[in-house]
Amino acid sequence: MWHALLGGALKLPGVRVGREQFLTTALAPHLSEQVVAQVLLTTPSRAHVARPMIARLSSASIAEHRALATATSTLAGMPGGLWAIGTLPADLTQFFWHVLIVSQKLAYLHGWPELLPPEGEVDEETKLVLTLFVGVVLGVQGSSTGLWKLSSAVSSDSLGKLPQAPLSKFALRNAAIQVARWVGVKLTKRKLSELLGRGVPLVGGAVAGTFTWFALGVGAERLRRELEGLAPAQA
């Protein structure tokens, strides 16, 4: 289930967030061109961008995607009736599309290198990395530990790229597998329970929207706090 959802979300337009373009757009209204250029060459921390500013920009990104994802989920559940069953995969896919985008934005604000290639197929190791980020958003046990191990490897890479060695070397593969299992079982069951409410007009939309509002908002804030304390944010 998770591999299908991740694959579907990665195929949607706009899922790839370019690090340089995003950071330039986010920071240019607040900082000089020289400071923004230094951020792009290094990290926000090394360029001495104030942590409160990073926190504000992170919260703004979370709020934007929380609102958009919630609106879509609410509309998907509004009419009610059996046809709503067909909206479930699309609702889940758009939910994870927003999770992937906000994860990239938060990562770049906290000193991480580009997570997704600008074009072409996404390899399996990159999918495992993305799965760890999603796992932290969803509060899956073990995902924070996996992300911490990966962050240590990232901070020691002078080229500012994700480590190229097999992820099993950093004990990440098992954590990513646990995330995939959690998403495929627990989350799917929870979303399926929405169908009980979607048979009633208005109630279904409220149930779907409430779940998305809570899951994305609280989860993305959890990821922000984790990233704030990891090595790339301090480097």
Protein backbone atom coordinates (compact mmCIF):
# COMPACT_ATOMS: atom_id res chain seq x y z
CA MET A 1 0.00 0.00 0.00
CA TRP A 2 2.75 2.46 0.95
CA HIS A 3 4.81 1.86 -2.17
CA ALA A 4 1.74 2.51 -4.30
CA LEU A 5 0.90 5.72 -2.43
CA LEU A 6 4.47 6.98 -2.54
CA GLY A 7 4.77 6.18 -6.24
CA GLY A 8 1.50 7.97 -6.96
CA ALA A 9 2.48 11.06 -4.99
CA LEU A 10 5.88 11.23 -6.71
CA LYS A 11 4.16 11.30 -10.10
CA LEU A 12 2.05 14.35 -9.29
CA PRO A 13 3.17 17.72 -10.69
CA GLY A 14 5.10 19.96 -8.33
CA VAL A 15 6.24 17.24 -5.93
CA ARG A 16 9.92 18.03 -6.53
CA VAL A 17 10.98 21.12 -4.60
CA GLY A 18 14.24 22.61 -5.87
CA ARG A 19 16.43 23.61 -2.92
CA GLU A 20 17.91 26.74 -4.48
CA GLN A 21 14.64 28.04 -5.90
CA PHE A 22 12.73 27.47 -2.67
CA LEU A 23 15.34 29.00 -0.38
CA THR A 24 15.74 31.99 -2.68
CA THR A 25 11.98 32.61 -2.78
CA ALA A 26 11.60 32.13 0.97
CA LEU A 27 14.61 34.15 2.12
CA ALA A 28 14.93 36.93 -0.47
CA PRO A 29 12.21 39.15 1.07
CA HIS A 30 14.03 39.07 4.43
CA LEU A 31 17.76 38.92 3.70
CA SER A 32 20.32 40.58 1.44
CA GLU A 33 21.39 38.97 -1.84
CA GLN A 34 24.79 38.25 -0.32
CA VAL A 35 23.34 36.33 2.60
CA VAL A 36 20.94 34.38 0.37
CA ALA A 37 23.86 33.46 -1.91
CA GLN A 38 25.81 32.24 1.12
CA VAL A 39 22.83 30.12 2.23
CA LEU A 40 22.71 28.45 -1.18
CA LEU A 41 26.42 27.66 -1.03
CA THR A 42 26.33 26.37 2.54
CA THR A 43 23.35 26.18 4.93
CA PRO A 44 21.09 28.73 6.65
CA SER A 45 22.96 28.10 9.89
CA ARG A 46 26.39 28.69 8.38
CA ALA A 47 25.09 31.85 6.75
CA HIS A 48 23.98 33.00 10.24
CA VAL A 49 20.27 33.12 9.46
CA ALA A 50 18.48 33.64 12.76
CA ARG A 51 16.73 30.58 14.13
CA PRO A 52 13.49 32.51 14.84
CA MET A 53 13.33 33.38 11.13
CA ILE A 54 13.78 29.74 10.16
CA ALA A 55 11.03 28.82 12.61
CA ARG A 56 8.66 31.44 11.15
CA LEU A 57 9.30 30.36 7.56
CA SER A 58 8.85 26.72 8.57
CA SER A 59 5.54 27.47 10.27
CA ALA A 60 4.36 29.40 7.20
CA SER A 61 5.09 26.41 4.95
CA ILE A 62 3.29 24.06 7.33
CA ALA A 63 0.25 26.34 7.52
CA GLU A 64 0.05 26.65 3.73
CA HIS A 65 0.07 22.93 3.03
CA ARG A 66 -2.13 22.14 6.01
CA ALA A 67 -4.82 24.43 4.65
CA LEU A 68 -4.57 23.18 1.06
CA ALA A 69 -4.59 19.49 2.00
CA THR A 70 -7.49 19.96 4.41
CA ALA A 71 -9.58 21.77 1.81
CA THR A 72 -9.05 18.96 -0.69
CA SER A 73 -9.91 16.25 1.86
CA THR A 74 -13.04 18.10 2.94
CA LEU A 75 -14.28 18.50 -0.62
CA ALA A 76 -13.57 14.82 -1.35
CA GLY A 77 -15.86 13.77 1.49
CA MET A 78 -18.66 16.30 1.10
CA PRO A 79 -21.27 14.64 -1.16
CA GLY A 80 -21.34 11.32 0.68
CA GLY A 81 -22.66 8.13 -0.86
CA LEU A 82 -20.89 5.05 -2.19
CA TRP A 83 -19.05 7.01 -4.87
CA ALA A 84 -16.85 8.37 -2.09
CA ILE A 85 -15.03 5.03 -1.90
CA GLY A 86 -13.35 5.95 -5.16
CA THR A 87 -11.99 9.17 -3.66
CA LEU A 88 -10.05 7.43 -0.90
CA PRO A 89 -6.87 6.59 -2.86
CA ALA A 90 -6.84 10.07 -4.40
CA ASP A 91 -7.30 11.68 -0.98
CA LEU A 92 -4.44 9.65 0.50
CA THR A 93 -2.22 10.42 -2.47
CA GLN A 94 -2.77 14.18 -2.25
CA PHE A 95 -2.19 14.00 1.52
CA PHE A 96 1.22 12.42 1.00
CA TRP A 97 1.96 14.80 -1.88
CA HIS A 98 1.67 17.66 0.60
CA VAL A 99 3.69 15.73 3.19
CA LEU A 100 6.53 15.20 0.69
CA ILE A 101 6.55 18.85 -0.36
CA VAL A 102 6.50 20.29 3.15
CA SER A 103 9.16 17.76 4.21
CA GLN A 104 11.49 19.03 1.49
CA LYS A 105 10.86 22.65 2.42
CA LEU A 106 11.52 22.03 6.10
CA ALA A 107 14.62 20.02 5.29
CA TYR A 108 16.14 22.81 3.18
CA LEU A 109 15.40 25.44 5.81
CA HIS A 110 17.28 23.24 8.29
CA GLY A 111 20.42 22.68 6.25
CA TRP A 112 19.70 19.49 4.31
CA PRO A 113 20.80 18.95 0.70
CA GLU A 114 18.33 18.41 -2.12
CA LEU A 115 16.21 15.33 -1.39
CA LEU A 116 14.74 14.70 -4.84
CA PRO A 117 16.48 14.91 -8.24
CA PRO A 118 15.04 17.64 -10.48
CA GLU A 119 13.99 15.06 -13.07
CA GLY A 120 14.15 11.37 -13.93
CA GLU A 121 13.27 8.29 -11.92
CA VAL A 122 13.53 8.33 -8.14
CA ASP A 123 15.83 5.52 -6.98
CA GLU A 124 15.03 3.17 -4.11
CA GLU A 125 17.47 4.75 -1.65
CA THR A 126 15.88 8.15 -2.16
CA LYS A 127 12.46 6.60 -1.56
CA LEU A 128 13.76 5.15 1.72
CA VAL A 129 14.96 8.59 2.79
CA LEU A 130 11.58 10.11 1.94
CA THR A 131 9.89 7.31 3.86
CA LEU A 132 11.86 8.25 6.96
CA PHE A 133 10.70 11.86 6.70
CA VAL A 134 7.11 10.70 6.27
CA GLY A 135 7.57 8.38 9.25
CA VAL A 136 8.55 11.28 11.49
CA VAL A 137 5.50 13.24 10.32
CA LEU A 138 3.27 10.29 11.19
CA GLY A 139 5.03 9.57 14.49
CA VAL A 140 6.13 6.07 13.50
CA GLN A 141 8.42 4.47 16.06
CA GLY A 142 12.01 4.20 14.85
CA SER A 143 11.75 6.84 12.14
CA SER A 144 13.30 9.60 14.28
CA THR A 145 16.26 7.37 15.08
CA GLY A 146 16.73 6.59 11.41
CA LEU A 147 16.58 10.27 10.50
CA TRP A 148 19.13 11.08 13.20
CA LYS A 149 21.54 8.50 11.81
CA LEU A 150 21.11 9.87 8.31
CA SER A 151 21.62 13.44 9.51
CA SER A 152 24.98 12.51 11.01
CA ALA A 153 26.10 11.17 7.65
CA VAL A 154 24.80 14.27 5.86
CA SER A 155 26.66 16.64 8.16
CA SER A 156 29.95 14.86 7.53
CA ASP A 157 29.58 15.08 3.74
CA SER A 158 31.57 18.08 2.58
CA LEU A 159 29.75 18.15 -0.77
CA GLY A 160 26.40 18.67 0.90
CA LYS A 161 24.79 15.69 -0.79
CA LEU A 162 22.86 12.76 0.56
CA PRO A 163 25.21 9.85 1.36
CA GLN A 164 25.72 7.51 -1.56
CA ALA A 165 26.64 4.44 0.49
CA PRO A 166 23.91 1.81 0.93
CA LEU A 167 21.37 2.95 3.49
CA SER A 168 21.73 -0.34 5.33
CA LYS A 169 25.15 0.95 6.43
CA PHE A 170 23.41 3.65 8.43
CA ALA A 171 20.81 1.25 9.83
CA LEU A 172 18.08 3.08 7.95
CA ARG A 173 16.61 0.36 5.82
CA ASN A 174 14.92 -1.44 8.71
CA ALA A 175 13.48 1.81 10.03
CA ALA A 176 12.11 2.67 6.59
CA ILE A 177 10.56 -0.78 6.29
CA GLN A 178 8.76 -0.26 9.61
CA VAL A 179 7.44 3.07 8.37
CA ALA A 180 6.13 1.45 5.20
CA ARG A 181 4.37 -1.26 7.20
CA TRP A 182 2.81 1.29 9.55
CA VAL A 183 1.52 3.38 6.68
CA GLY A 184 0.23 0.35 4.83
CA VAL A 185 -1.73 -0.99 7.79
CA LYS A 186 -2.51 1.51 10.54
CA LEU A 187 -3.00 4.65 8.49
CA THR A 188 -5.02 2.90 5.83
CA LYS A 189 -7.38 1.51 8.48
CA ARG A 190 -7.84 4.95 9.94
CA LYS A 191 -8.62 6.49 6.57
CA LEU A 192 -10.98 3.65 5.74
CA SER A 193 -12.95 4.49 8.86
CA GLU A 194 -13.78 7.82 7.21
CA LEU A 195 -16.02 5.95 4.82
CA LEU A 196 -18.43 5.36 7.69
CA GLY A 197 -18.93 9.10 7.86
CA ARG A 198 -18.84 9.80 4.13
CA GLY A 199 -22.21 8.15 3.70
CA VAL A 200 -23.76 11.20 5.39
CA PRO A 201 -23.60 14.56 3.55
CA LEU A 202 -21.42 17.19 5.27
CA VAL A 203 -20.38 14.78 8.03
CA GLY A 204 -18.05 12.92 5.68
CA GLY A 205 -16.31 16.11 4.63
CA ALA A 206 -15.86 17.17 8.24
CA VAL A 207 -14.35 13.80 9.19
CA ALA A 208 -11.92 13.77 6.28
CA GLY A 209 -10.93 17.41 6.73
CA THR A 210 -10.44 17.06 10.48
CA PHE A 211 -8.18 14.04 10.06
CA THR A 212 -6.04 15.82 7.47
CA TRP A 213 -5.88 19.07 9.46
CA PHE A 214 -4.68 17.25 12.56
CA ALA A 215 -2.38 14.69 10.91
CA LEU A 216 -0.57 17.11 8.61
CA GLY A 217 -0.37 20.05 11.00
CA VAL A 218 0.76 18.15 14.08
CA GLY A 219 2.96 15.80 12.07
CA ALA A 220 4.77 18.53 10.13
CA GLU A 221 5.40 20.42 13.35
CA ARG A 222 6.87 17.22 14.81
CA LEU A 223 9.22 17.01 11.83
CA ARG A 224 10.19 20.67 12.24
CA ARG A 225 11.17 20.11 15.86
CA GLU A 226 13.19 17.02 14.94
CA LEU A 227 15.04 18.78 12.11
CA GLU A 228 15.76 21.78 14.34
CA GLY A 229 17.81 19.59 16.65
CA LEU A 230 19.68 17.55 14.04
CA ALA A 231 23.24 18.08 12.85
CA PRO A 232 22.56 19.77 9.47
CA ALA A 233 20.61 22.54 11.21
CA GLN A 234 23.60 23.31 13.40
CA ALA A 235 26.32 22.97 10.74
